[in-house]
């Protein structure tokens, strides 16, 4: 069946190429096939394919992941003065840098599509909330985010206890991001934007790899 579909696609492509090459002689001819029972339409030569429409889940995923990433960056910032574990600090620096870069990308992606970069909860713009309010709302919105109590315990710890809480907390946090990606791709009509698809799959593979690293560090 897959070979048959590919054959039809190839035949259609060759047909369009033939129209382009042997059209009216005034440049390429772009033809859009009509629906069953309807004629095809000749489009202007400068016609460009439209990107797939965005779904509500696409927007919510990017807005939610910005908020999700922000907590991971905040967790890494707590390392200063609380741990001397060089391996952990190196991992934390990598997480902070990569997730900060990804936050910039997600904001640019949303702005380019005319969407706000902050989620709204009950009509309330989360950008107007205090840090404490963000934490109160976060666990209800995105999977895996640390509760205010978990963040307070991490902040109050140091040495090997901080290392343990950080690793277990970040594994939980990364696991939540994997859940968000899974929910995105399981929602019909979502995740079809090329940039979004590439980003989400990169998040999935990257955070799975970091989870394995952190699990190994915990075992040691």
Protein backbone atom coordinates (compact mmCIF):
# COMPACT_ATOMS: atom_id res chain seq x y z
CA UNK A 1 0.00 0.00 0.00
CA UNK A 2 2.84 2.40 0.86
CA UNK A 3 4.50 1.73 -2.51
CA UNK A 4 1.19 2.39 -4.26
CA UNK A 5 0.75 5.72 -2.45
CA UNK A 6 4.29 6.72 -3.33
CA UNK A 7 3.65 5.77 -6.96
CA UNK A 8 0.54 7.95 -7.10
CA UNK A 9 2.44 10.81 -5.46
CA UNK A 10 5.28 10.45 -7.95
CA UNK A 11 2.83 10.36 -10.84
CA UNK A 12 1.13 13.49 -9.56
CA UNK A 13 4.47 15.25 -9.21
CA UNK A 14 5.46 14.28 -12.75
CA UNK A 15 2.09 15.55 -13.99
CA UNK A 16 2.65 18.91 -12.34
CA UNK A 17 6.17 19.04 -13.76
CA UNK A 18 4.76 18.35 -17.21
CA UNK A 19 2.26 21.18 -16.87
CA UNK A 20 5.05 23.43 -15.69
CA UNK A 21 7.34 22.51 -18.56
CA UNK A 22 4.78 22.45 -21.36
CA UNK A 23 2.33 25.10 -20.21
CA UNK A 24 1.67 28.38 -21.88
CA UNK A 25 5.33 29.24 -22.24
CA UNK A 26 5.12 32.14 -19.79
CA UNK A 27 6.88 30.45 -16.90
CA UNK A 28 5.87 27.65 -14.54
CA UNK A 29 2.20 26.83 -14.12
CA UNK A 30 1.01 25.90 -10.62
CA UNK A 31 -2.06 23.66 -10.61
CA UNK A 32 -4.11 22.85 -7.52
CA UNK A 33 -6.14 19.65 -8.01
CA UNK A 34 -9.84 20.10 -7.36
CA UNK A 35 -11.93 18.10 -4.93
CA UNK A 36 -13.68 15.00 -6.33
CA UNK A 37 -16.05 16.16 -9.07
CA UNK A 38 -14.52 19.65 -9.21
CA UNK A 39 -12.04 21.02 -11.78
CA UNK A 40 -8.42 21.82 -11.00
CA UNK A 41 -7.38 25.47 -10.64
CA UNK A 42 -4.41 27.25 -12.16
CA UNK A 43 -2.76 29.42 -9.50
CA UNK A 44 -0.41 32.41 -9.92
CA UNK A 45 3.25 31.42 -10.55
CA UNK A 46 4.36 32.99 -7.25
CA UNK A 47 1.97 30.84 -5.19
CA UNK A 48 3.62 29.35 -2.13
CA UNK A 49 2.28 26.40 -0.11
CA UNK A 50 0.44 27.43 3.03
CA UNK A 51 1.80 26.11 6.34
CA UNK A 52 -0.47 23.71 8.23
CA UNK A 53 -2.92 25.53 10.52
CA UNK A 54 -1.95 25.83 14.18
CA UNK A 55 -4.05 24.08 16.77
CA UNK A 56 -4.86 25.30 20.27
CA UNK A 57 -2.65 22.50 21.56
CA UNK A 58 0.32 23.81 19.53
CA UNK A 59 0.01 27.23 21.17
CA UNK A 60 -0.62 25.83 24.65
CA UNK A 61 2.36 23.50 24.32
CA UNK A 62 4.80 26.29 23.48
CA UNK A 63 3.41 28.67 26.12
CA UNK A 64 3.41 25.93 28.73
CA UNK A 65 6.92 24.75 27.87
CA UNK A 66 8.27 28.29 28.31
CA UNK A 67 6.89 28.29 31.85
CA UNK A 68 8.13 24.73 32.38
CA UNK A 69 11.66 25.57 31.22
CA UNK A 70 11.75 28.67 33.44
CA UNK A 71 11.50 26.53 36.55
CA UNK A 72 14.38 24.30 35.40
CA UNK A 73 16.56 27.40 34.95
CA UNK A 74 15.55 28.57 38.43
CA UNK A 75 16.50 25.19 39.89
CA UNK A 76 19.96 25.40 38.34
CA UNK A 77 20.42 28.93 39.73
CA UNK A 78 20.05 27.47 43.24
CA UNK A 79 23.32 25.56 42.80
CA UNK A 80 25.41 28.60 43.74
CA UNK A 81 26.60 28.16 47.32
CA UNK A 82 24.77 24.86 47.77
CA UNK A 83 26.90 22.28 45.95
CA UNK A 84 30.54 21.77 45.02
CA UNK A 85 29.80 18.74 42.85
CA UNK A 86 31.62 19.62 39.63
CA UNK A 87 29.84 17.02 37.52
CA UNK A 88 26.45 18.23 38.73
CA UNK A 89 27.35 21.88 38.18
CA UNK A 90 28.48 21.08 34.63
CA UNK A 91 25.19 19.30 33.94
CA UNK A 92 23.27 22.19 35.47
CA UNK A 93 25.08 24.73 33.30
CA UNK A 94 24.21 22.69 30.20
CA UNK A 95 20.55 22.42 31.21
CA UNK A 96 20.31 26.14 31.98
CA UNK A 97 21.95 27.18 28.71
CA UNK A 98 19.97 24.84 26.49
CA UNK A 99 16.64 25.60 28.11
CA UNK A 100 17.26 29.35 28.08
CA UNK A 101 18.03 29.13 24.36
CA UNK A 102 14.89 27.08 23.82
CA UNK A 103 12.80 29.63 25.72
CA UNK A 104 14.03 32.35 23.35
CA UNK A 105 13.14 30.15 20.37
CA UNK A 106 9.65 29.40 21.70
CA UNK A 107 8.95 33.08 22.33
CA UNK A 108 10.10 34.01 18.82
CA UNK A 109 7.96 31.20 17.38
CA UNK A 110 4.86 32.45 19.18
CA UNK A 111 5.43 36.13 18.36
CA UNK A 112 5.99 35.30 14.67
CA UNK A 113 2.55 33.70 14.66
CA UNK A 114 0.83 36.54 16.47
CA UNK A 115 0.42 34.61 19.71
CA UNK A 116 1.11 35.71 23.31
CA UNK A 117 4.11 34.16 24.99
CA UNK A 118 2.34 33.71 28.33
CA UNK A 119 -0.49 31.36 29.17
CA UNK A 120 -3.72 32.57 30.70
CA UNK A 121 -5.42 30.82 33.60
CA UNK A 122 -9.02 31.73 34.21
CA UNK A 123 -8.58 34.88 32.12
CA UNK A 124 -5.50 35.91 34.12
CA UNK A 125 -2.27 36.65 32.24
CA UNK A 126 0.47 34.66 33.98
CA UNK A 127 3.05 37.32 33.06
CA UNK A 128 1.47 39.55 35.72
CA UNK A 129 1.95 36.99 38.50
CA UNK A 130 4.66 37.03 41.11
CA UNK A 131 7.20 34.23 41.28
CA UNK A 132 5.32 32.65 44.18
CA UNK A 133 2.06 32.76 42.23
CA UNK A 134 3.76 31.14 39.25
CA UNK A 135 4.78 28.22 41.44
CA UNK A 136 1.30 27.93 42.88
CA UNK A 137 -0.19 27.73 39.39
CA UNK A 138 2.57 25.73 37.72
CA UNK A 139 1.95 22.23 39.11
CA UNK A 140 -1.71 22.45 38.06
CA UNK A 141 -0.76 23.45 34.53
CA UNK A 142 2.26 21.45 33.46
CA UNK A 143 3.28 17.90 34.35
CA UNK A 144 6.44 17.30 36.35
CA UNK A 145 6.92 20.80 37.75
CA UNK A 146 8.11 20.94 41.35
CA UNK A 147 5.62 22.05 43.96
CA UNK A 148 6.34 25.11 46.15
CA UNK A 149 7.25 22.69 48.96
CA UNK A 150 9.76 20.85 46.78
CA UNK A 151 11.33 24.13 45.66
CA UNK A 152 11.55 25.31 49.27
CA UNK A 153 13.23 22.05 50.33
CA UNK A 154 15.73 22.35 47.49
CA UNK A 155 16.51 25.93 48.45
CA UNK A 156 17.00 25.00 52.11
CA UNK A 157 19.38 22.10 51.39
CA UNK A 158 23.09 21.94 50.68
CA UNK A 159 25.86 19.45 49.94
CA UNK A 160 24.91 15.88 49.13
CA UNK A 161 21.30 16.49 50.18
CA UNK A 162 20.99 19.28 47.63
CA UNK A 163 22.55 17.06 44.98
CA UNK A 164 20.02 14.32 45.69
CA UNK A 165 17.02 16.65 45.73
CA UNK A 166 18.20 18.40 42.57
CA UNK A 167 18.65 15.18 40.63
CA UNK A 168 15.36 13.62 41.75
CA UNK A 169 13.56 16.90 41.13
CA UNK A 170 15.05 17.44 37.69
CA UNK A 171 14.29 13.85 36.67
CA UNK A 172 10.68 14.49 37.70
CA UNK A 173 10.74 17.79 35.81
CA UNK A 174 12.17 16.26 32.62
CA UNK A 175 9.62 13.44 32.84
CA UNK A 176 6.89 16.06 32.79
CA UNK A 177 8.31 17.56 29.60
CA UNK A 178 8.19 14.13 27.96
CA UNK A 179 4.53 13.88 28.96
CA UNK A 180 3.84 17.28 27.39
CA UNK A 181 5.44 16.18 24.11
CA UNK A 182 3.45 12.94 24.15
CA UNK A 183 0.19 14.83 24.71
CA UNK A 184 1.04 17.22 21.86
CA UNK A 185 1.59 14.44 19.33
CA UNK A 186 -1.44 12.47 20.53
CA UNK A 187 -3.75 15.45 19.92
CA UNK A 188 -5.27 15.21 16.41
CA UNK A 189 -4.14 18.03 14.13
CA UNK A 190 -1.35 19.15 16.44
CA UNK A 191 2.43 19.13 16.03
CA UNK A 192 2.26 19.50 12.24
CA UNK A 193 4.17 22.79 12.01
CA UNK A 194 7.69 21.86 10.83
CA UNK A 195 9.55 23.99 13.39
CA UNK A 196 7.32 22.84 16.22
CA UNK A 197 7.69 19.20 15.23
CA UNK A 198 11.47 19.43 15.12
CA UNK A 199 11.62 21.30 18.42
CA UNK A 200 9.32 18.88 20.25
CA UNK A 201 11.20 15.81 19.01
CA UNK A 202 14.50 17.44 20.06
CA UNK A 203 13.07 18.12 23.53
CA UNK A 204 11.99 14.49 23.79
CA UNK A 205 15.33 13.00 22.75
CA UNK A 206 17.44 15.53 24.67
CA UNK A 207 15.59 15.20 27.95
CA UNK A 208 15.50 11.41 27.74
CA UNK A 209 19.29 11.46 27.42
CA UNK A 210 19.66 13.82 30.40
CA UNK A 211 17.34 11.64 32.50
CA UNK A 212 19.64 8.67 31.88
CA UNK A 213 22.67 10.77 32.91
CA UNK A 214 20.95 11.92 36.13
CA UNK A 215 19.79 8.42 37.00
CA UNK A 216 23.39 7.23 36.67
CA UNK A 217 24.59 10.09 38.88
CA UNK A 218 22.01 9.19 41.53
CA UNK A 219 23.18 5.57 41.47
CA UNK A 220 26.73 6.66 42.17
